Amino acid sequence: MVWLREPTAKQQKRRVEFACKNRNANFDLWVFSDETGLHRQERGRQMRKFVRRDQGAPILATEQELTGGGGKINLWAAICSGGIFAWRIYRGTLTAPLYREILKT
C-alpha cells in the first residue's frame, strides 16, 4: 500500500521561502528535473481508500491491486519554459554516476 502524505511543516516552510525568493525570477532560464517510477498493470486496478482522520491516517491512500502482472518503468525528465527539455528511461536506481551520465548527453 502506498500512502499519500501531506507535506511536513518544514517542507511547507521551505516551499514558501523558495516561492518568495524567486517571485520575480525569469523562469525562461530555468530547467526543472525529476525522476519517477511508472508501475505497469496488465490486469489490475488502482483503488482509493479513504480513511477518517481520527484513525491517525492520511486523508487519502491508494492501494495497488496487481492481479496478473506489472513491472516498473523508471523515467527521468527535465522541462523548461519551452516544454520537454530531455528525458531518459533507465533500469534500476538513479545513482549519482548515472545522473551525471544523463546530464552529459
PDB file of N, CA and C in Angstrom:
ATOM      1  N   MET A   1       0.850  -1.167   0.000  1.00  0.00           N
ATOM      2  CA  MET A   1       0.000   0.000   0.000  1.00  0.00           C
ATOM      3  C   MET A   1       0.895   1.229   0.000  1.00  0.00           C
ATOM      4  N   VAL A   2       0.554   2.236  -0.792  1.00  0.00           N
ATOM      5  CA  VAL A   2       1.291   3.483  -0.864  1.00  0.00           C
ATOM      6  C   VAL A   2       0.450   4.573  -0.226  1.00  0.00           C
ATOM      7  N   TRP A   3       1.000   5.276   0.746  1.00  0.00           N
ATOM      8  CA  TRP A   3       0.282   6.353   1.409  1.00  0.00           C
ATOM      9  C   TRP A   3       0.685   7.680   0.795  1.00  0.00           C
ATOM     10  N   LEU A   4      -0.276   8.505   0.461  1.00  0.00           N
ATOM     11  CA  LEU A   4      -0.002   9.857   0.001  1.00  0.00           C
ATOM     12  C   LEU A   4       0.002  10.754   1.225  1.00  0.00           C
ATOM     13  N   ARG A   5       1.130  11.390   1.485  1.00  0.00           N
ATOM     14  CA  ARG A   5       1.269  12.201   2.685  1.00  0.00           C
ATOM     15  C   ARG A   5       1.236  13.678   2.359  1.00  0.00           C
ATOM     16  N   GLU A   6       0.725  14.437   3.288  1.00  0.00           N
ATOM     17  CA  GLU A   6       0.772  15.883   3.167  1.00  0.00           C
ATOM     18  C   GLU A   6       2.189  16.332   3.498  1.00  0.00           C
ATOM     19  N   PRO A   7       2.642  17.467   2.913  1.00  0.00           N
ATOM     20  CA  PRO A   7       3.988  17.944   3.247  1.00  0.00           C
ATOM     21  C   PRO A   7       4.095  18.287   4.733  1.00  0.00           C
ATOM     22  N   THR A   8       5.274  18.074   5.263  1.00  0.00           N
ATOM     23  CA  THR A   8       5.512  18.424   6.669  1.00  0.00           C
ATOM     24  C   THR A   8       5.552  19.950   6.804  1.00  0.00           C
ATOM     25  N   ALA A   9       5.505  20.435   8.022  1.00  0.00           N
ATOM     26  CA  ALA A   9       5.579  21.879   8.266  1.00  0.00           C
ATOM     27  C   ALA A   9       6.904  22.435   7.737  1.00  0.00           C
ATOM     28  N   LYS A  10       7.983  21.688   7.908  1.00  0.00           N
ATOM     29  CA  LYS A  10       9.291  22.125   7.417  1.00  0.00           C
ATOM     30  C   LYS A  10       9.292  22.219   5.887  1.00  0.00           C
ATOM     31  N   GLN A  11       8.711  21.216   5.211  1.00  0.00           N
ATOM     32  CA  GLN A  11       8.638  21.243   3.755  1.00  0.00           C
ATOM     33  C   GLN A  11       7.787  22.418   3.273  1.00  0.00           C
ATOM     34  N   GLN A  12       6.660  22.655   3.934  1.00  0.00           N
ATOM     35  CA  GLN A  12       5.811  23.776   3.557  1.00  0.00           C
ATOM     36  C   GLN A  12       6.558  25.097   3.712  1.00  0.00           C
ATOM     37  N   LYS A  13       7.277  25.248   4.806  1.00  0.00           N
ATOM     38  CA  LYS A  13       8.034  26.475   5.052  1.00  0.00           C
ATOM     39  C   LYS A  13       9.089  26.685   3.968  1.00  0.00           C
ATOM     40  N   ARG A  14       9.808  25.647   3.617  1.00  0.00           N
ATOM     41  CA  ARG A  14      10.847  25.762   2.591  1.00  0.00           C
ATOM     42  C   ARG A  14      10.246  26.092   1.228  1.00  0.00           C
ATOM     43  N   ARG A  15       9.082  25.549   0.908  1.00  0.00           N
ATOM     44  CA  ARG A  15       8.424  25.854  -0.367  1.00  0.00           C
ATOM     45  C   ARG A  15       8.003  27.320  -0.429  1.00  0.00           C
ATOM     46  N   VAL A  16       7.481  27.826   0.664  1.00  0.00           N
ATOM     47  CA  VAL A  16       7.075  29.237   0.708  1.00  0.00           C
ATOM     48  C   VAL A  16       8.299  30.139   0.584  1.00  0.00           C
ATOM     49  N   GLU A  17       9.381  29.796   1.280  1.00  0.00           N
ATOM     50  CA  GLU A  17      10.615  30.578   1.193  1.00  0.00           C
ATOM     51  C   GLU A  17      11.142  30.595  -0.241  1.00  0.00           C
ATOM     52  N   PHE A  18      11.121  29.447  -0.901  1.00  0.00           N
ATOM     53  CA  PHE A  18      11.574  29.355  -2.292  1.00  0.00           C
ATOM     54  C   PHE A  18      10.714  30.237  -3.194  1.00  0.00           C
ATOM     55  N   ALA A  19       9.392  30.150  -3.013  1.00  0.00           N
ATOM     56  CA  ALA A  19       8.474  30.932  -3.845  1.00  0.00           C
ATOM     57  C   ALA A  19       8.684  32.430  -3.638  1.00  0.00           C
ATOM     58  N   CYS A  20       8.866  32.845  -2.386  1.00  0.00           N
ATOM     59  CA  CYS A  20       9.085  34.275  -2.093  1.00  0.00           C
ATOM     60  C   CYS A  20      10.409  34.753  -2.681  1.00  0.00           C
ATOM     61  N   LYS A  21      11.445  33.947  -2.527  1.00  0.00           N
ATOM     62  CA  LYS A  21      12.770  34.316  -3.022  1.00  0.00           C
ATOM     63  C   LYS A  21      12.783  34.452  -4.544  1.00  0.00           C
ATOM     64  N   ASN A  22      12.006  33.623  -5.229  1.00  0.00           N
ATOM     65  CA  ASN A  22      12.046  33.578  -6.688  1.00  0.00           C
ATOM     66  C   ASN A  22      10.802  34.170  -7.338  1.00  0.00           C
ATOM     67  N   ARG A  23      10.096  34.980  -6.608  1.00  0.00           N
ATOM     68  CA  ARG A  23       8.845  35.570  -7.101  1.00  0.00           C
ATOM     69  C   ARG A  23       9.019  36.273  -8.443  1.00  0.00           C
ATOM     70  N   ASN A  24      10.110  36.983  -8.626  1.00  0.00           N
ATOM     71  CA  ASN A  24      10.322  37.759  -9.846  1.00  0.00           C
ATOM     72  C   ASN A  24      11.373  37.151 -10.766  1.00  0.00           C
ATOM     73  N   ALA A  25      11.676  35.889 -10.560  1.00  0.00           N
ATOM     74  CA  ALA A  25      12.706  35.228 -11.367  1.00  0.00           C
ATOM     75  C   ALA A  25      12.237  35.057 -12.806  1.00  0.00           C
ATOM     76  N   ASN A  26      13.195  35.019 -13.713  1.00  0.00           N
ATOM     77  CA  ASN A  26      12.905  34.761 -15.129  1.00  0.00           C
ATOM     78  C   ASN A  26      12.961  33.249 -15.340  1.00  0.00           C
ATOM     79  N   PHE A  27      11.833  32.606 -15.327  1.00  0.00           N
ATOM     80  CA  PHE A  27      11.793  31.139 -15.424  1.00  0.00           C
ATOM     81  C   PHE A  27      12.111  30.644 -16.824  1.00  0.00           C
ATOM     82  N   ASP A  28      12.280  31.562 -17.792  1.00  0.00           N
ATOM     83  CA  ASP A  28      12.732  31.146 -19.123  1.00  0.00           C
ATOM     84  C   ASP A  28      14.152  30.592 -19.064  1.00  0.00           C
ATOM     85  N   LEU A  29      14.874  30.894 -18.005  1.00  0.00           N
ATOM     86  CA  LEU A  29      16.265  30.463 -17.860  1.00  0.00           C
ATOM     87  C   LEU A  29      16.410  29.230 -16.973  1.00  0.00           C
ATOM     88  N   TRP A  30      15.316  28.691 -16.473  1.00  0.00           N
ATOM     89  CA  TRP A  30      15.361  27.584 -15.523  1.00  0.00           C
ATOM     90  C   TRP A  30      15.046  26.252 -16.210  1.00  0.00           C
ATOM     91  N   VAL A  31      15.611  25.192 -15.650  1.00  0.00           N
ATOM     92  CA  VAL A  31      15.284  23.817 -16.054  1.00  0.00           C
ATOM     93  C   VAL A  31      14.935  23.056 -14.785  1.00  0.00           C
ATOM     94  N   PHE A  32      13.808  22.364 -14.810  1.00  0.00           N
ATOM     95  CA  PHE A  32      13.364  21.562 -13.673  1.00  0.00           C
ATOM     96  C   PHE A  32      13.451  20.087 -14.068  1.00  0.00           C
ATOM     97  N   SER A  33      13.957  19.252 -13.148  1.00  0.00           N
ATOM     98  CA  SER A  33      14.058  17.821 -13.456  1.00  0.00           C
ATOM     99  C   SER A  33      13.584  16.992 -12.265  1.00  0.00           C
ATOM    100  N   ASP A  34      13.168  15.777 -12.572  1.00  0.00           N
ATOM    101  CA  ASP A  34      12.731  14.851 -11.539  1.00  0.00           C
ATOM    102  C   ASP A  34      12.710  13.452 -12.124  1.00  0.00           C
ATOM    103  N   GLU A  35      12.634  12.468 -11.263  1.00  0.00           N
ATOM    104  CA  GLU A  35      12.510  11.089 -11.726  1.00  0.00           C
ATOM    105  C   GLU A  35      11.291  10.458 -11.076  1.00  0.00           C
ATOM    106  N   THR A  36      10.782   9.436 -11.746  1.00  0.00           N
ATOM    107  CA  THR A  36       9.612   8.743 -11.227  1.00  0.00           C
ATOM    108  C   THR A  36       9.621   7.303 -11.713  1.00  0.00           C
ATOM    109  N   GLY A  37       8.859   6.470 -11.048  1.00  0.00           N
ATOM    110  CA  GLY A  37       8.661   5.100 -11.481  1.00  0.00           C
ATOM    111  C   GLY A  37       7.212   4.932 -11.905  1.00  0.00           C
ATOM    112  N   LEU A  38       7.011   4.448 -13.099  1.00  0.00           N
ATOM    113  CA  LEU A  38       5.664   4.204 -13.613  1.00  0.00           C
ATOM    114  C   LEU A  38       5.379   2.712 -13.493  1.00  0.00           C
ATOM    115  N   HIS A  39       4.391   2.369 -12.697  1.00  0.00           N
ATOM    116  CA  HIS A  39       4.052   0.964 -12.477  1.00  0.00           C
ATOM    117  C   HIS A  39       3.044   0.501 -13.519  1.00  0.00           C
ATOM    118  N   ARG A  40       3.430  -0.541 -14.255  1.00  0.00           N
ATOM    119  CA  ARG A  40       2.535  -1.112 -15.266  1.00  0.00           C
ATOM    120  C   ARG A  40       1.574  -2.092 -14.602  1.00  0.00           C
ATOM    121  N   GLN A  41       0.396  -2.152 -15.154  1.00  0.00           N
ATOM    122  CA  GLN A  41      -0.588  -3.119 -14.685  1.00  0.00           C
ATOM    123  C   GLN A  41      -1.242  -3.745 -15.903  1.00  0.00           C
ATOM    124  N   GLU A  42      -1.032  -5.023 -16.089  1.00  0.00           N
ATOM    125  CA  GLU A  42      -1.648  -5.685 -17.228  1.00  0.00           C
ATOM    126  C   GLU A  42      -3.130  -5.938 -16.978  1.00  0.00           C
ATOM    127  N   ARG A  43      -3.432  -6.484 -15.839  1.00  0.00           N
ATOM    128  CA  ARG A  43      -4.823  -6.747 -15.479  1.00  0.00           C
ATOM    129  C   ARG A  43      -4.984  -6.412 -14.014  1.00  0.00           C
ATOM    130  N   GLY A  44      -5.105  -5.201 -13.727  1.00  0.00           N
ATOM    131  CA  GLY A  44      -5.231  -4.800 -12.338  1.00  0.00           C
ATOM    132  C   GLY A  44      -5.947  -3.470 -12.272  1.00  0.00           C
ATOM    133  N   ARG A  45      -6.084  -2.962 -11.106  1.00  0.00           N
ATOM    134  CA  ARG A  45      -6.750  -1.679 -10.954  1.00  0.00           C
ATOM    135  C   ARG A  45      -6.186  -0.985  -9.727  1.00  0.00           C
ATOM    136  N   GLN A  46      -6.270   0.326  -9.767  1.00  0.00           N
ATOM    137  CA  GLN A  46      -5.834   1.105  -8.620  1.00  0.00           C
ATOM    138  C   GLN A  46      -7.063   1.468  -7.809  1.00  0.00           C
ATOM    139  N   MET A  47      -6.992   1.228  -6.524  1.00  0.00           N
ATOM    140  CA  MET A  47      -8.134   1.503  -5.661  1.00  0.00           C
ATOM    141  C   MET A  47      -7.792   2.661  -4.744  1.00  0.00           C
ATOM    142  N   ARG A  48      -8.759   3.491  -4.467  1.00  0.00           N
ATOM    143  CA  ARG A  48      -8.582   4.560  -3.492  1.00  0.00           C
ATOM    144  C   ARG A  48      -9.270   4.161  -2.204  1.00  0.00           C
ATOM    145  N   LYS A  49      -8.612   4.463  -1.118  1.00  0.00           N
ATOM    146  CA  LYS A  49      -9.145   4.113   0.187  1.00  0.00           C
ATOM    147  C   LYS A  49      -9.179   5.392   1.026  1.00  0.00           C
ATOM    148  N   PHE A  50     -10.348   5.805   1.422  1.00  0.00           N
ATOM    149  CA  PHE A  50     -10.488   6.995   2.239  1.00  0.00           C
ATOM    150  C   PHE A  50     -10.541   6.577   3.704  1.00  0.00           C
ATOM    151  N   VAL A  51      -9.797   7.301   4.525  1.00  0.00           N
ATOM    152  CA  VAL A  51      -9.654   6.944   5.931  1.00  0.00           C
ATOM    153  C   VAL A  51     -10.026   8.150   6.782  1.00  0.00           C
ATOM    154  N   ARG A  52     -10.717   7.907   7.889  1.00  0.00           N
ATOM    155  CA  ARG A  52     -11.072   9.003   8.803  1.00  0.00           C
ATOM    156  C   ARG A  52      -9.826   9.528   9.490  1.00  0.00           C
ATOM    157  N   ARG A  53      -9.746  10.835   9.660  1.00  0.00           N
ATOM    158  CA  ARG A  53      -8.582  11.457  10.295  1.00  0.00           C
ATOM    159  C   ARG A  53      -8.396  10.993  11.737  1.00  0.00           C
ATOM    160  N   ASP A  54      -9.476  10.735  12.462  1.00  0.00           N
ATOM    161  CA  ASP A  54      -9.329  10.350  13.860  1.00  0.00           C
ATOM    162  C   ASP A  54      -8.699   8.965  14.014  1.00  0.00           C
ATOM    163  N   GLN A  55      -8.511   8.263  12.900  1.00  0.00           N
ATOM    164  CA  GLN A  55      -7.839   6.970  12.952  1.00  0.00           C
ATOM    165  C   GLN A  55      -6.321   7.135  12.800  1.00  0.00           C
ATOM    166  N   GLY A  56      -5.868   8.407  12.729  1.00  0.00           N
ATOM    167  CA  GLY A  56      -4.440   8.677  12.666  1.00  0.00           C
ATOM    168  C   GLY A  56      -3.808   8.400  11.318  1.00  0.00           C
ATOM    169  N   ALA A  57      -4.590   8.346  10.264  1.00  0.00           N
ATOM    170  CA  ALA A  57      -4.060   8.065   8.939  1.00  0.00           C
ATOM    171  C   ALA A  57      -4.246   9.280   8.039  1.00  0.00           C
ATOM    172  N   PRO A  58      -3.490   9.343   6.935  1.00  0.00           N
ATOM    173  CA  PRO A  58      -3.695  10.429   5.981  1.00  0.00           C
ATOM    174  C   PRO A  58      -5.117  10.405   5.427  1.00  0.00           C
ATOM    175  N   ILE A  59      -5.521  11.504   4.821  1.00  0.00           N
ATOM    176  CA  ILE A  59      -6.876  11.596   4.269  1.00  0.00           C
ATOM    177  C   ILE A  59      -7.091  10.585   3.145  1.00  0.00           C
ATOM    178  N   LEU A  60      -6.097  10.444   2.260  1.00  0.00           N
ATOM    179  CA  LEU A  60      -6.269   9.596   1.085  1.00  0.00           C
ATOM    180  C   LEU A  60      -5.093   8.642   0.961  1.00  0.00           C
ATOM    181  N   ALA A  61      -5.366   7.409   0.671  1.00  0.00           N
ATOM    182  CA  ALA A  61      -4.324   6.438   0.405  1.00  0.00           C
ATOM    183  C   ALA A  61      -4.710   5.680  -0.851  1.00  0.00           C
ATOM    184  N   THR A  62      -3.720   5.242  -1.610  1.00  0.00           N
ATOM    185  CA  THR A  62      -4.016   4.411  -2.769  1.00  0.00           C
ATOM    186  C   THR A  62      -3.406   3.045  -2.539  1.00  0.00           C
ATOM    187  N   GLU A  63      -4.070   2.060  -3.038  1.00  0.00           N
ATOM    188  CA  GLU A  63      -3.633   0.689  -2.850  1.00  0.00           C
ATOM    189  C   GLU A  63      -3.567   0.029  -4.217  1.00  0.00           C
ATOM    190  N   GLN A  64      -2.450  -0.594  -4.532  1.00  0.00           N
ATOM    191  CA  GLN A  64      -2.300  -1.265  -5.808  1.00  0.00           C
ATOM    192  C   GLN A  64      -2.840  -2.690  -5.713  1.00  0.00           C
ATOM    193  N   GLU A  65      -3.585  -3.080  -6.692  1.00  0.00           N
ATOM    194  CA  GLU A  65      -4.052  -4.455  -6.782  1.00  0.00           C
ATOM    195  C   GLU A  65      -3.574  -5.001  -8.113  1.00  0.00           C
ATOM    196  N   LEU A  66      -2.516  -5.818  -8.085  1.00  0.00           N
ATOM    197  CA  LEU A  66      -1.977  -6.402  -9.303  1.00  0.00           C
ATOM    198  C   LEU A  66      -2.420  -7.850  -9.367  1.00  0.00           C
ATOM    199  N   THR A  67      -3.244  -8.147 -10.350  1.00  0.00           N
ATOM    200  CA  THR A  67      -3.787  -9.490 -10.436  1.00  0.00           C
ATOM    201  C   THR A  67      -3.112 -10.345 -11.492  1.00  0.00           C
ATOM    202  N   GLY A  68      -2.376  -9.719 -12.409  1.00  0.00           N
ATOM    203  CA  GLY A  68      -1.794 -10.545 -13.465  1.00  0.00           C
ATOM    204  C   GLY A  68      -0.590  -9.933 -14.107  1.00  0.00           C
ATOM    205  N   GLY A  69       0.298  -9.349 -13.371  1.00  0.00           N
ATOM    206  CA  GLY A  69       1.491  -8.789 -13.991  1.00  0.00           C
ATOM    207  C   GLY A  69       1.829  -7.447 -13.411  1.00  0.00           C
ATOM    208  N   GLY A  70       2.603  -6.740 -14.125  1.00  0.00           N
ATOM    209  CA  GLY A  70       3.009  -5.431 -13.650  1.00  0.00           C
ATOM    210  C   GLY A  70       4.361  -5.077 -14.194  1.00  0.00           C
ATOM    211  N   GLY A  71       5.210  -4.652 -13.337  1.00  0.00           N
ATOM    212  CA  GLY A  71       6.521  -4.188 -13.743  1.00  0.00           C
ATOM    213  C   GLY A  71       6.614  -2.696 -13.517  1.00  0.00           C
ATOM    214  N   LYS A  72       7.797  -2.169 -13.713  1.00  0.00           N
ATOM    215  CA  LYS A  72       8.017  -0.758 -13.440  1.00  0.00           C
ATOM    216  C   LYS A  72       8.918  -0.165 -14.512  1.00  0.00           C
ATOM    217  N   ILE A  73       8.589   1.031 -14.948  1.00  0.00           N
ATOM    218  CA  ILE A  73       9.406   1.777 -15.897  1.00  0.00           C
ATOM    219  C   ILE A  73       9.935   2.992 -15.149  1.00  0.00           C
ATOM    220  N   ASN A  74      11.250   3.147 -15.119  1.00  0.00           N
ATOM    221  CA  ASN A  74      11.873   4.287 -14.452  1.00  0.00           C
ATOM    222  C   ASN A  74      12.137   5.385 -15.475  1.00  0.00           C
ATOM    223  N   LEU A  75      11.741   6.598 -15.157  1.00  0.00           N
ATOM    224  CA  LEU A  75      11.853   7.708 -16.091  1.00  0.00           C
ATOM    225  C   LEU A  75      12.437   8.926 -15.392  1.00  0.00           C
ATOM    226  N   TRP A  76      13.428   9.557 -16.023  1.00  0.00           N
ATOM    227  CA  TRP A  76      13.940  10.855 -15.605  1.00  0.00           C
ATOM    228  C   TRP A  76      13.586  11.827 -16.715  1.00  0.00           C
ATOM    229  N   ALA A  77      13.140  13.019 -16.345  1.00  0.00           N
ATOM    230  CA  ALA A  77      12.799  14.022 -17.351  1.00  0.00           C
ATOM    231  C   ALA A  77      13.127  15.411 -16.836  1.00  0.00           C
ATOM    232  N   ALA A  78      13.344  16.325 -17.789  1.00  0.00           N
ATOM    233  CA  ALA A  78      13.591  17.730 -17.469  1.00  0.00           C
ATOM    234  C   ALA A  78      12.696  18.578 -18.360  1.00  0.00           C
ATOM    235  N   ILE A  79      12.143  19.635 -17.770  1.00  0.00           N
ATOM    236  CA  ILE A  79      11.302  20.554 -18.533  1.00  0.00           C
ATOM    237  C   ILE A  79      11.833  21.973 -18.371  1.00  0.00           C
ATOM    238  N   CYS A  80      11.510  22.800 -19.346  1.00  0.00           N
ATOM    239  CA  CYS A  80      11.862  24.213 -19.294  1.00  0.00           C
ATOM    240  C   CYS A  80      10.681  24.998 -19.862  1.00  0.00           C
ATOM    241  N   SER A  81      10.833  26.293 -19.988  1.00  0.00           N
ATOM    242  CA  SER A  81       9.706  27.108 -20.459  1.00  0.00           C
ATOM    243  C   SER A  81       9.257  26.715 -21.862  1.00  0.00           C
ATOM    244  N   GLY A  82      10.132  26.104 -22.630  1.00  0.00           N
ATOM    245  CA  GLY A  82       9.777  25.691 -23.989  1.00  0.00           C
ATOM    246  C   GLY A  82       9.160  24.306 -24.072  1.00  0.00           C
ATOM    247  N   GLY A  83       9.036  23.612 -22.942  1.00  0.00           N
ATOM    248  CA  GLY A  83       8.449  22.267 -22.935  1.00  0.00           C
ATOM    249  C   GLY A  83       9.441  21.236 -22.426  1.00  0.00           C
ATOM    250  N   ILE A  84       9.370  20.029 -22.996  1.00  0.00           N
ATOM    251  CA  ILE A  84      10.259  18.942 -22.567  1.00  0.00           C
ATOM    252  C   ILE A  84      11.672  19.254 -23.038  1.00  0.00           C
ATOM    253  N   PHE A  85      12.593  19.278 -22.109  1.00  0.00           N
ATOM    254  CA  PHE A  85      13.984  19.587 -22.408  1.00  0.00           C
ATOM    255  C   PHE A  85      14.751  18.310 -22.723  1.00  0.00           C
ATOM    256  N   ALA A  86      14.554  17.279 -21.917  1.00  0.00           N
ATOM    257  CA  ALA A  86      15.228  15.992 -22.100  1.00  0.00           C
ATOM    258  C   ALA A  86      14.493  14.938 -21.289  1.00  0.00           C
ATOM    259  N   TRP A  87      14.653  13.667 -21.685  1.00  0.00           N
ATOM    260  CA  TRP A  87      14.081  12.568 -20.908  1.00  0.00           C
ATOM    261  C   TRP A  87      14.909  11.320 -21.151  1.00  0.00           C
ATOM    262  N   ARG A  88      14.818  10.384 -20.203  1.00  0.00           N
ATOM    263  CA  ARG A  88      15.557   9.133 -20.331  1.00  0.00           C
ATOM    264  C   ARG A  88      14.881   8.049 -19.513  1.00  0.00           C
ATOM    265  N   ILE A  89      14.704   6.896 -20.109  1.00  0.00           N
ATOM    266  CA  ILE A  89      14.225   5.702 -19.408  1.00  0.00           C
ATOM    267  C   ILE A  89      15.472   4.943 -18.949  1.00  0.00           C
ATOM    268  N   TYR A  90      15.481   4.487 -17.709  1.00  0.00           N
ATOM    269  CA  TYR A  90      16.653   3.797 -17.176  1.00  0.00           C
ATOM    270  C   TYR A  90      16.212   2.594 -16.354  1.00  0.00           C
ATOM    271  N   ARG A  91      17.156   1.698 -16.122  1.00  0.00           N
ATOM    272  CA  ARG A  91      16.901   0.493 -15.308  1.00  0.00           C
ATOM    273  C   ARG A  91      17.458   0.705 -13.909  1.00  0.00           C
ATOM    274  N   GLY A  92      16.784   0.114 -12.944  1.00  0.00           N
ATOM    275  CA  GLY A  92      17.290   0.138 -11.580  1.00  0.00           C
ATOM    276  C   GLY A  92      17.133   1.484 -10.905  1.00  0.00           C
ATOM    277  N   THR A  93      18.130   1.831 -10.099  1.00  0.00           N
ATOM    278  CA  THR A  93      18.098   3.050  -9.299  1.00  0.00           C
ATOM    279  C   THR A  93      18.866   4.158 -10.001  1.00  0.00           C
ATOM    280  N   LEU A  94      18.394   5.373  -9.891  1.00  0.00           N
ATOM    281  CA  LEU A  94      19.094   6.526 -10.457  1.00  0.00           C
ATOM    282  C   LEU A  94      20.210   6.922  -9.498  1.00  0.00           C
ATOM    283  N   THR A  95      21.394   6.412  -9.770  1.00  0.00           N
ATOM    284  CA  THR A  95      22.565   6.683  -8.935  1.00  0.00           C
ATOM    285  C   THR A  95      23.235   7.979  -9.390  1.00  0.00           C
ATOM    286  N   ALA A  96      24.143   8.488  -8.582  1.00  0.00           N
ATOM    287  CA  ALA A  96      24.871   9.712  -8.939  1.00  0.00           C
ATOM    288  C   ALA A  96      25.639   9.546 -10.257  1.00  0.00           C
ATOM    289  N   PRO A  97      26.370   8.443 -10.474  1.00  0.00           N
ATOM    290  CA  PRO A  97      27.075   8.291 -11.752  1.00  0.00           C
ATOM    291  C   PRO A  97      26.108   8.257 -12.952  1.00  0.00           C
ATOM    292  N   LEU A  98      24.982   7.578 -12.805  1.00  0.00           N
ATOM    293  CA  LEU A  98      24.010   7.532 -13.895  1.00  0.00           C
ATOM    294  C   LEU A  98      23.422   8.917 -14.151  1.00  0.00           C
ATOM    295  N   TYR A  99      23.136   9.658 -13.078  1.00  0.00           N
ATOM    296  CA  TYR A  99      22.594  11.005 -13.226  1.00  0.00           C
ATOM    297  C   TYR A  99      23.581  11.908 -13.969  1.00  0.00           C
ATOM    298  N   ARG A 100      24.881  11.815 -13.629  1.00  0.00           N
ATOM    299  CA  ARG A 100      25.895  12.611 -14.326  1.00  0.00           C
ATOM    300  C   ARG A 100      25.972  12.212 -15.806  1.00  0.00           C
ATOM    301  N   GLU A 101      25.864  10.913 -16.083  1.00  0.00           N
ATOM    302  CA  GLU A 101      25.883  10.430 -17.477  1.00  0.00           C
ATOM    303  C   GLU A 101      24.696  11.008 -18.260  1.00  0.00           C
ATOM    304  N   ILE A 102      23.522  11.015 -17.628  1.00  0.00           N
ATOM    305  CA  ILE A 102      22.334  11.562 -18.288  1.00  0.00           C
ATOM    306  C   ILE A 102      22.536  13.038 -18.589  1.00  0.00           C
ATOM    307  N   LEU A 103      23.087  13.792 -17.638  1.00  0.00           N
ATOM    308  CA  LEU A 103      23.283  15.225 -17.829  1.00  0.00           C
ATOM    309  C   LEU A 103      24.293  15.532 -18.928  1.00  0.00           C
ATOM    310  N   LYS A 104      25.244  14.638 -19.172  1.00  0.00           N
ATOM    311  CA  LYS A 104      26.249  14.846 -20.233  1.00  0.00           C
ATOM    312  C   LYS A 104      25.654  14.660 -21.624  1.00  0.00           C
ATOM    313  N   THR A 105      24.607  13.855 -21.739  1.00  0.00           N
ATOM    314  CA  THR A 105      24.054  13.549 -23.065  1.00  0.00           C
ATOM    315  C   THR A 105      23.023  14.550 -23.508  1.00  0.00           C
TER     316      THR A 105
END
